[in-house]
Amino acid sequence: MFMKNFFKTSDFGLCVVLSVLGFKLISIDKSNPAKAIFEFEDDGEIQKYSEAYFRGELRLDPRLVLLESRLIKSRLKQGF
C-alpha cells in the first residue's frame, strides 16, 4: 500500500510560493479561526523549497505570486 506524505504550514506566504512552484495544495484547515493550516502533497522536495523560502533564496515571477495569492485567498473565503 502506498502512503502519501504531507507537508503542513500556517505561513500564507510559504503556501503561495509552494503553489507557484507546482506543489499541490490538498486542503485548508480552518478549524482554528485565528490560523489556517495549509496541507500540501509532499514528494520529498518540498522541505528543500520551504527552507530556501525562509532563507530568501527563491526568485519567482511576481505576477504569478500575486495571482496565486488571490486564488488562495478566494479558497479561504469560500471554504474550499
PDB file of N, CA and C in Angstrom:
ATOM      1  N   MET A   1       0.841  -1.176   0.000  1.00  0.00           N
ATOM      2  CA  MET A   1       0.000   0.000   0.000  1.00  0.00           C
ATOM      3  C   MET A   1       0.887   1.241   0.000  1.00  0.00           C
ATOM      4  N   PHE A   2       0.569   2.219  -0.851  1.00  0.00           N
ATOM      5  CA  PHE A   2       1.346   3.446  -0.988  1.00  0.00           C
ATOM      6  C   PHE A   2       0.797   4.518  -0.056  1.00  0.00           C
ATOM      7  N   MET A   3       1.650   5.047   0.817  1.00  0.00           N
ATOM      8  CA  MET A   3       1.246   6.112   1.737  1.00  0.00           C
ATOM      9  C   MET A   3       1.789   7.434   1.210  1.00  0.00           C
ATOM     10  N   LYS A   4       0.911   8.417   1.085  1.00  0.00           N
ATOM     11  CA  LYS A   4       1.353   9.742   0.661  1.00  0.00           C
ATOM     12  C   LYS A   4       1.850  10.513   1.875  1.00  0.00           C
ATOM     13  N   ASN A   5       2.849  11.332   1.632  1.00  0.00           N
ATOM     14  CA  ASN A   5       3.363  12.209   2.672  1.00  0.00           C
ATOM     15  C   ASN A   5       2.755  13.582   2.480  1.00  0.00           C
ATOM     16  N   PHE A   6       2.602  14.292   3.586  1.00  0.00           N
ATOM     17  CA  PHE A   6       2.007  15.612   3.537  1.00  0.00           C
ATOM     18  C   PHE A   6       2.884  16.613   4.261  1.00  0.00           C
ATOM     19  N   PHE A   7       2.816  17.841   3.821  1.00  0.00           N
ATOM     20  CA  PHE A   7       3.538  18.947   4.423  1.00  0.00           C
ATOM     21  C   PHE A   7       2.516  19.979   4.840  1.00  0.00           C
ATOM     22  N   LYS A   8       2.588  20.439   6.092  1.00  0.00           N
ATOM     23  CA  LYS A   8       1.624  21.412   6.592  1.00  0.00           C
ATOM     24  C   LYS A   8       2.343  22.681   7.016  1.00  0.00           C
ATOM     25  N   THR A   9       1.690  23.821   6.760  1.00  0.00           N
ATOM     26  CA  THR A   9       2.216  25.107   7.182  1.00  0.00           C
ATOM     27  C   THR A   9       1.060  26.061   7.461  1.00  0.00           C
ATOM     28  N   SER A  10       1.294  26.990   8.356  1.00  0.00           N
ATOM     29  CA  SER A  10       0.311  28.045   8.596  1.00  0.00           C
ATOM     30  C   SER A  10       0.784  29.359   7.991  1.00  0.00           C
ATOM     31  N   ASP A  11       1.933  29.347   7.335  1.00  0.00           N
ATOM     32  CA  ASP A  11       2.507  30.544   6.726  1.00  0.00           C
ATOM     33  C   ASP A  11       1.887  30.777   5.348  1.00  0.00           C
ATOM     34  N   PHE A  12       1.097  31.862   5.232  1.00  0.00           N
ATOM     35  CA  PHE A  12       0.408  32.137   3.971  1.00  0.00           C
ATOM     36  C   PHE A  12       1.392  32.378   2.827  1.00  0.00           C
ATOM     37  N   GLY A  13       2.452  33.126   3.084  1.00  0.00           N
ATOM     38  CA  GLY A  13       3.442  33.399   2.041  1.00  0.00           C
ATOM     39  C   GLY A  13       4.084  32.135   1.513  1.00  0.00           C
ATOM     40  N   LEU A  14       4.447  31.241   2.424  1.00  0.00           N
ATOM     41  CA  LEU A  14       5.028  29.963   2.009  1.00  0.00           C
ATOM     42  C   LEU A  14       4.018  29.157   1.212  1.00  0.00           C
ATOM     43  N   CYS A  15       2.775  29.185   1.635  1.00  0.00           N
ATOM     44  CA  CYS A  15       1.716  28.483   0.907  1.00  0.00           C
ATOM     45  C   CYS A  15       1.641  28.971  -0.533  1.00  0.00           C
ATOM     46  N   VAL A  16       1.656  30.270  -0.712  1.00  0.00           N
ATOM     47  CA  VAL A  16       1.585  30.854  -2.056  1.00  0.00           C
ATOM     48  C   VAL A  16       2.793  30.428  -2.885  1.00  0.00           C
ATOM     49  N   VAL A  17       3.970  30.525  -2.314  1.00  0.00           N
ATOM     50  CA  VAL A  17       5.193  30.175  -3.037  1.00  0.00           C
ATOM     51  C   VAL A  17       5.190  28.703  -3.438  1.00  0.00           C
ATOM     52  N   LEU A  18       4.813  27.827  -2.529  1.00  0.00           N
ATOM     53  CA  LEU A  18       4.781  26.402  -2.866  1.00  0.00           C
ATOM     54  C   LEU A  18       3.781  26.117  -3.976  1.00  0.00           C
ATOM     55  N   SER A  19       2.658  26.809  -3.952  1.00  0.00           N
ATOM     56  CA  SER A  19       1.665  26.640  -5.017  1.00  0.00           C
ATOM     57  C   SER A  19       2.220  27.097  -6.358  1.00  0.00           C
ATOM     58  N   VAL A  20       2.909  28.239  -6.358  1.00  0.00           N
ATOM     59  CA  VAL A  20       3.511  28.748  -7.592  1.00  0.00           C
ATOM     60  C   VAL A  20       4.546  27.761  -8.119  1.00  0.00           C
ATOM     61  N   LEU A  21       5.263  27.124  -7.216  1.00  0.00           N
ATOM     62  CA  LEU A  21       6.290  26.154  -7.622  1.00  0.00           C
ATOM     63  C   LEU A  21       5.697  24.836  -8.114  1.00  0.00           C
ATOM     64  N   GLY A  22       4.387  24.679  -7.995  1.00  0.00           N
ATOM     65  CA  GLY A  22       3.736  23.494  -8.555  1.00  0.00           C
ATOM     66  C   GLY A  22       3.356  22.425  -7.549  1.00  0.00           C
ATOM     67  N   PHE A  23       3.548  22.675  -6.275  1.00  0.00           N
ATOM     68  CA  PHE A  23       3.126  21.700  -5.272  1.00  0.00           C
ATOM     69  C   PHE A  23       1.615  21.783  -5.106  1.00  0.00           C
ATOM     70  N   LYS A  24       0.992  20.625  -4.953  1.00  0.00           N
ATOM     71  CA  LYS A  24      -0.470  20.543  -4.912  1.00  0.00           C
ATOM     72  C   LYS A  24      -1.000  20.832  -3.517  1.00  0.00           C
ATOM     73  N   LEU A  25      -1.811  21.890  -3.414  1.00  0.00           N
ATOM     74  CA  LEU A  25      -2.477  22.243  -2.163  1.00  0.00           C
ATOM     75  C   LEU A  25      -3.669  21.308  -2.004  1.00  0.00           C
ATOM     76  N   ILE A  26      -3.601  20.432  -1.011  1.00  0.00           N
ATOM     77  CA  ILE A  26      -4.618  19.407  -0.795  1.00  0.00           C
ATOM     78  C   ILE A  26      -5.810  19.951  -0.034  1.00  0.00           C
ATOM     79  N   SER A  27      -5.527  20.675   1.058  1.00  0.00           N
ATOM     80  CA  SER A  27      -6.629  21.162   1.884  1.00  0.00           C
ATOM     81  C   SER A  27      -6.206  22.378   2.687  1.00  0.00           C
ATOM     82  N   ILE A  28      -7.221  23.094   3.159  1.00  0.00           N
ATOM     83  CA  ILE A  28      -7.017  24.218   4.064  1.00  0.00           C
ATOM     84  C   ILE A  28      -7.876  23.954   5.287  1.00  0.00           C
ATOM     85  N   ASP A  29      -7.216  23.783   6.420  1.00  0.00           N
ATOM     86  CA  ASP A  29      -7.917  23.522   7.676  1.00  0.00           C
ATOM     87  C   ASP A  29      -8.160  24.857   8.371  1.00  0.00           C
ATOM     88  N   LYS A  30      -9.445  25.230   8.482  1.00  0.00           N
ATOM     89  CA  LYS A  30      -9.811  26.488   9.116  1.00  0.00           C
ATOM     90  C   LYS A  30     -10.542  26.246  10.436  1.00  0.00           C
ATOM     91  N   SER A  31     -10.267  25.121  11.091  1.00  0.00           N
ATOM     92  CA  SER A  31     -10.936  24.816  12.351  1.00  0.00           C
ATOM     93  C   SER A  31     -10.561  25.814  13.447  1.00  0.00           C
ATOM     94  N   ASN A  32      -9.372  26.393  13.361  1.00  0.00           N
ATOM     95  CA  ASN A  32      -8.971  27.474  14.258  1.00  0.00           C
ATOM     96  C   ASN A  32      -9.155  28.783  13.487  1.00  0.00           C
ATOM     97  N   PRO A  33     -10.143  29.613  13.852  1.00  0.00           N
ATOM     98  CA  PRO A  33     -10.419  30.841  13.101  1.00  0.00           C
ATOM     99  C   PRO A  33      -9.239  31.814  13.043  1.00  0.00           C
ATOM    100  N   ALA A  34      -8.316  31.708  14.000  1.00  0.00           N
ATOM    101  CA  ALA A  34      -7.181  32.628  14.042  1.00  0.00           C
ATOM    102  C   ALA A  34      -6.049  32.225  13.103  1.00  0.00           C
ATOM    103  N   LYS A  35      -6.017  30.948  12.685  1.00  0.00           N
ATOM    104  CA  LYS A  35      -4.898  30.492  11.873  1.00  0.00           C
ATOM    105  C   LYS A  35      -5.301  29.322  10.981  1.00  0.00           C
ATOM    106  N   ALA A  36      -5.181  29.506   9.688  1.00  0.00           N
ATOM    107  CA  ALA A  36      -5.446  28.427   8.739  1.00  0.00           C
ATOM    108  C   ALA A  36      -4.193  27.563   8.607  1.00  0.00           C
ATOM    109  N   ILE A  37      -4.406  26.262   8.382  1.00  0.00           N
ATOM    110  CA  ILE A  37      -3.309  25.324   8.139  1.00  0.00           C
ATOM    111  C   ILE A  37      -3.447  24.832   6.703  1.00  0.00           C
ATOM    112  N   PHE A  38      -2.388  25.034   5.926  1.00  0.00           N
ATOM    113  CA  PHE A  38      -2.370  24.633   4.520  1.00  0.00           C
ATOM    114  C   PHE A  38      -1.638  23.305   4.408  1.00  0.00           C
ATOM    115  N   GLU A  39      -2.262  22.334   3.720  1.00  0.00           N
ATOM    116  CA  GLU A  39      -1.685  20.997   3.596  1.00  0.00           C
ATOM    117  C   GLU A  39      -1.373  20.704   2.132  1.00  0.00           C
ATOM    118  N   PHE A  40      -0.130  20.312   1.897  1.00  0.00           N
ATOM    119  CA  PHE A  40       0.361  20.007   0.547  1.00  0.00           C
ATOM    120  C   PHE A  40       0.772  18.546   0.449  1.00  0.00           C
ATOM    121  N   GLU A  41       0.688  18.011  -0.763  1.00  0.00           N
ATOM    122  CA  GLU A  41       1.304  16.711  -1.043  1.00  0.00           C
ATOM    123  C   GLU A  41       2.810  16.926  -1.011  1.00  0.00           C
ATOM    124  N   ASP A  42       3.522  16.025  -0.383  1.00  0.00           N
ATOM    125  CA  ASP A  42       4.982  16.133  -0.272  1.00  0.00           C
ATOM    126  C   ASP A  42       5.636  15.036  -1.083  1.00  0.00           C
ATOM    127  N   ASP A  43       6.362  15.442  -2.106  1.00  0.00           N
ATOM    128  CA  ASP A  43       7.052  14.468  -2.955  1.00  0.00           C
ATOM    129  C   ASP A  43       8.503  14.262  -2.521  1.00  0.00           C
ATOM    130  N   GLY A  44       8.850  14.788  -1.356  1.00  0.00           N
ATOM    131  CA  GLY A  44      10.211  14.663  -0.866  1.00  0.00           C
ATOM    132  C   GLY A  44      11.063  15.892  -1.121  1.00  0.00           C
ATOM    133  N   GLU A  45      10.595  16.803  -1.951  1.00  0.00           N
ATOM    134  CA  GLU A  45      11.335  18.001  -2.313  1.00  0.00           C
ATOM    135  C   GLU A  45      10.824  19.252  -1.606  1.00  0.00           C
ATOM    136  N   ILE A  46       9.652  19.199  -1.030  1.00  0.00           N
ATOM    137  CA  ILE A  46       9.000  20.393  -0.520  1.00  0.00           C
ATOM    138  C   ILE A  46       9.781  21.047   0.624  1.00  0.00           C
ATOM    139  N   GLN A  47      10.423  20.253   1.459  1.00  0.00           N
ATOM    140  CA  GLN A  47      11.192  20.799   2.578  1.00  0.00           C
ATOM    141  C   GLN A  47      12.340  21.662   2.076  1.00  0.00           C
ATOM    142  N   LYS A  48      12.978  21.235   1.003  1.00  0.00           N
ATOM    143  CA  LYS A  48      14.093  21.985   0.419  1.00  0.00           C
ATOM    144  C   LYS A  48      13.631  23.381  -0.016  1.00  0.00           C
ATOM    145  N   TYR A  49      12.464  23.455  -0.646  1.00  0.00           N
ATOM    146  CA  TYR A  49      11.939  24.748  -1.091  1.00  0.00           C
ATOM    147  C   TYR A  49      11.453  25.592   0.080  1.00  0.00           C
ATOM    148  N   SER A  50      10.917  24.938   1.099  1.00  0.00           N
ATOM    149  CA  SER A  50      10.490  25.653   2.295  1.00  0.00           C
ATOM    150  C   SER A  50      11.687  26.337   2.960  1.00  0.00           C
ATOM    151  N   GLU A  51      12.768  25.618   3.089  1.00  0.00           N
ATOM    152  CA  GLU A  51      13.974  26.180   3.695  1.00  0.00           C
ATOM    153  C   GLU A  51      14.537  27.314   2.846  1.00  0.00           C
ATOM    154  N   ALA A  52      14.533  27.152   1.527  1.00  0.00           N
ATOM    155  CA  ALA A  52      15.015  28.205   0.631  1.00  0.00           C
ATOM    156  C   ALA A  52      14.136  29.452   0.731  1.00  0.00           C
ATOM    157  N   TYR A  53      12.833  29.262   0.911  1.00  0.00           N
ATOM    158  CA  TYR A  53      11.910  30.387   1.089  1.00  0.00           C
ATOM    159  C   TYR A  53      12.291  31.194   2.325  1.00  0.00           C
ATOM    160  N   PHE A  54      12.505  30.517   3.442  1.00  0.00           N
ATOM    161  CA  PHE A  54      12.825  31.218   4.680  1.00  0.00           C
ATOM    162  C   PHE A  54      14.220  31.837   4.667  1.00  0.00           C
ATOM    163  N   ARG A  55      15.114  31.315   3.832  1.00  0.00           N
ATOM    164  CA  ARG A  55      16.448  31.913   3.689  1.00  0.00           C
ATOM    165  C   ARG A  55      16.450  33.049   2.668  1.00  0.00           C
ATOM    166  N   GLY A  56      15.345  33.249   1.968  1.00  0.00           N
ATOM    167  CA  GLY A  56      15.251  34.324   0.976  1.00  0.00           C
ATOM    168  C   GLY A  56      15.976  34.026  -0.323  1.00  0.00           C
ATOM    169  N   GLU A  57      16.076  32.754  -0.677  1.00  0.00           N
ATOM    170  CA  GLU A  57      16.842  32.340  -1.849  1.00  0.00           C
ATOM    171  C   GLU A  57      16.004  32.101  -3.103  1.00  0.00           C
ATOM    172  N   LEU A  58      14.694  32.189  -3.006  1.00  0.00           N
ATOM    173  CA  LEU A  58      13.844  31.896  -4.160  1.00  0.00           C
ATOM    174  C   LEU A  58      13.569  33.168  -4.965  1.00  0.00           C
ATOM    175  N   ARG A  59      13.519  33.018  -6.260  1.00  0.00           N
ATOM    176  CA  ARG A  59      13.170  34.119  -7.154  1.00  0.00           C
ATOM    177  C   ARG A  59      12.022  33.648  -8.039  1.00  0.00           C
ATOM    178  N   LEU A  60      10.876  34.333  -7.915  1.00  0.00           N
ATOM    179  CA  LEU A  60       9.680  33.942  -8.664  1.00  0.00           C
ATOM    180  C   LEU A  60       9.107  35.150  -9.382  1.00  0.00           C
ATOM    181  N   ASP A  61       8.348  34.890 -10.424  1.00  0.00           N
ATOM    182  CA  ASP A  61       7.659  35.944 -11.165  1.00  0.00           C
ATOM    183  C   ASP A  61       6.613  36.564 -10.234  1.00  0.00           C
ATOM    184  N   PRO A  62       6.723  37.852  -9.938  1.00  0.00           N
ATOM    185  CA  PRO A  62       5.781  38.473  -9.008  1.00  0.00           C
ATOM    186  C   PRO A  62       4.328  38.416  -9.480  1.00  0.00           C
ATOM    187  N   ARG A  63       4.109  38.389 -10.784  1.00  0.00           N
ATOM    188  CA  ARG A  63       2.731  38.285 -11.293  1.00  0.00           C
ATOM    189  C   ARG A  63       2.120  36.946 -10.919  1.00  0.00           C
ATOM    190  N   LEU A  64       2.916  35.881 -10.988  1.00  0.00           N
ATOM    191  CA  LEU A  64       2.418  34.559 -10.612  1.00  0.00           C
ATOM    192  C   LEU A  64       2.135  34.486  -9.118  1.00  0.00           C
ATOM    193  N   VAL A  65       2.992  35.112  -8.332  1.00  0.00           N
ATOM    194  CA  VAL A  65       2.801  35.123  -6.877  1.00  0.00           C
ATOM    195  C   VAL A  65       1.520  35.871  -6.525  1.00  0.00           C
ATOM    196  N   LEU A  66       1.303  37.024  -7.151  1.00  0.00           N
ATOM    197  CA  LEU A  66       0.094  37.801  -6.894  1.00  0.00           C
ATOM    198  C   LEU A  66      -1.160  37.042  -7.308  1.00  0.00           C
ATOM    199  N   LEU A  67      -1.144  36.431  -8.480  1.00  0.00           N
ATOM    200  CA  LEU A  67      -2.292  35.664  -8.960  1.00  0.00           C
ATOM    201  C   LEU A  67      -2.595  34.492  -8.032  1.00  0.00           C
ATOM    202  N   GLU A  68      -1.563  33.758  -7.651  1.00  0.00           N
ATOM    203  CA  GLU A  68      -1.767  32.599  -6.764  1.00  0.00           C
ATOM    204  C   GLU A  68      -2.268  33.055  -5.396  1.00  0.00           C
ATOM    205  N   SER A  69      -1.766  34.183  -4.922  1.00  0.00           N
ATOM    206  CA  SER A  69      -2.220  34.734  -3.654  1.00  0.00           C
ATOM    207  C   SER A  69      -3.721  35.020  -3.693  1.00  0.00           C
ATOM    208  N   ARG A  70      -4.170  35.597  -4.768  1.00  0.00           N
ATOM    209  CA  ARG A  70      -5.601  35.892  -4.916  1.00  0.00           C
ATOM    210  C   ARG A  70      -6.431  34.613  -4.968  1.00  0.00           C
ATOM    211  N   LEU A  71      -5.936  33.599  -5.664  1.00  0.00           N
ATOM    212  CA  LEU A  71      -6.665  32.335  -5.759  1.00  0.00           C
ATOM    213  C   LEU A  71      -6.776  31.640  -4.398  1.00  0.00           C
ATOM    214  N   ILE A  72      -5.704  31.661  -3.643  1.00  0.00           N
ATOM    215  CA  ILE A  72      -5.735  31.012  -2.325  1.00  0.00           C
ATOM    216  C   ILE A  72      -6.620  31.794  -1.362  1.00  0.00           C
ATOM    217  N   LYS A  73      -6.569  33.117  -1.413  1.00  0.00           N
ATOM    218  CA  LYS A  73      -7.458  33.927  -0.572  1.00  0.00           C
ATOM    219  C   LYS A  73      -8.913  33.638  -0.908  1.00  0.00           C
ATOM    220  N   SER A  74      -9.201  33.452  -2.178  1.00  0.00           N
ATOM    221  CA  SER A  74     -10.565  33.101  -2.601  1.00  0.00           C
ATOM    222  C   SER A  74     -10.975  31.753  -2.005  1.00  0.00           C
ATOM    223  N   ARG A  75     -10.064  30.786  -2.026  1.00  0.00           N
ATOM    224  CA  ARG A  75     -10.351  29.473  -1.434  1.00  0.00           C
ATOM    225  C   ARG A  75     -10.594  29.586   0.061  1.00  0.00           C
ATOM    226  N   LEU A  76      -9.853  30.457   0.723  1.00  0.00           N
ATOM    227  CA  LEU A  76     -10.039  30.666   2.153  1.00  0.00           C
ATOM    228  C   LEU A  76     -11.437  31.205   2.451  1.00  0.00           C
ATOM    229  N   LYS A  77     -11.858  32.159   1.671  1.00  0.00           N
ATOM    230  CA  LYS A  77     -13.172  32.782   1.885  1.00  0.00           C
ATOM    231  C   LYS A  77     -14.315  31.846   1.541  1.00  0.00           C
ATOM    232  N   GLN A  78     -14.141  31.042   0.490  1.00  0.00           N
ATOM    233  CA  GLN A  78     -15.213  30.174   0.023  1.00  0.00           C
ATOM    234  C   GLN A  78     -15.240  28.832   0.745  1.00  0.00           C
ATOM    235  N   GLY A  79     -14.203  28.502   1.445  1.00  0.00           N
ATOM    236  CA  GLY A  79     -14.191  27.256   2.208  1.00  0.00           C
ATOM    237  C   GLY A  79     -13.790  26.033   1.437  1.00  0.00           C
ATOM    238  N   PHE A  80     -13.018  26.178   0.343  1.00  0.00           N
ATOM    239  CA  PHE A  80     -12.563  25.015  -0.433  1.00  0.00           C
ATOM    240  C   PHE A  80     -11.256  24.521   0.087  1.00  0.00           C
TER     241      PHE A  80
END
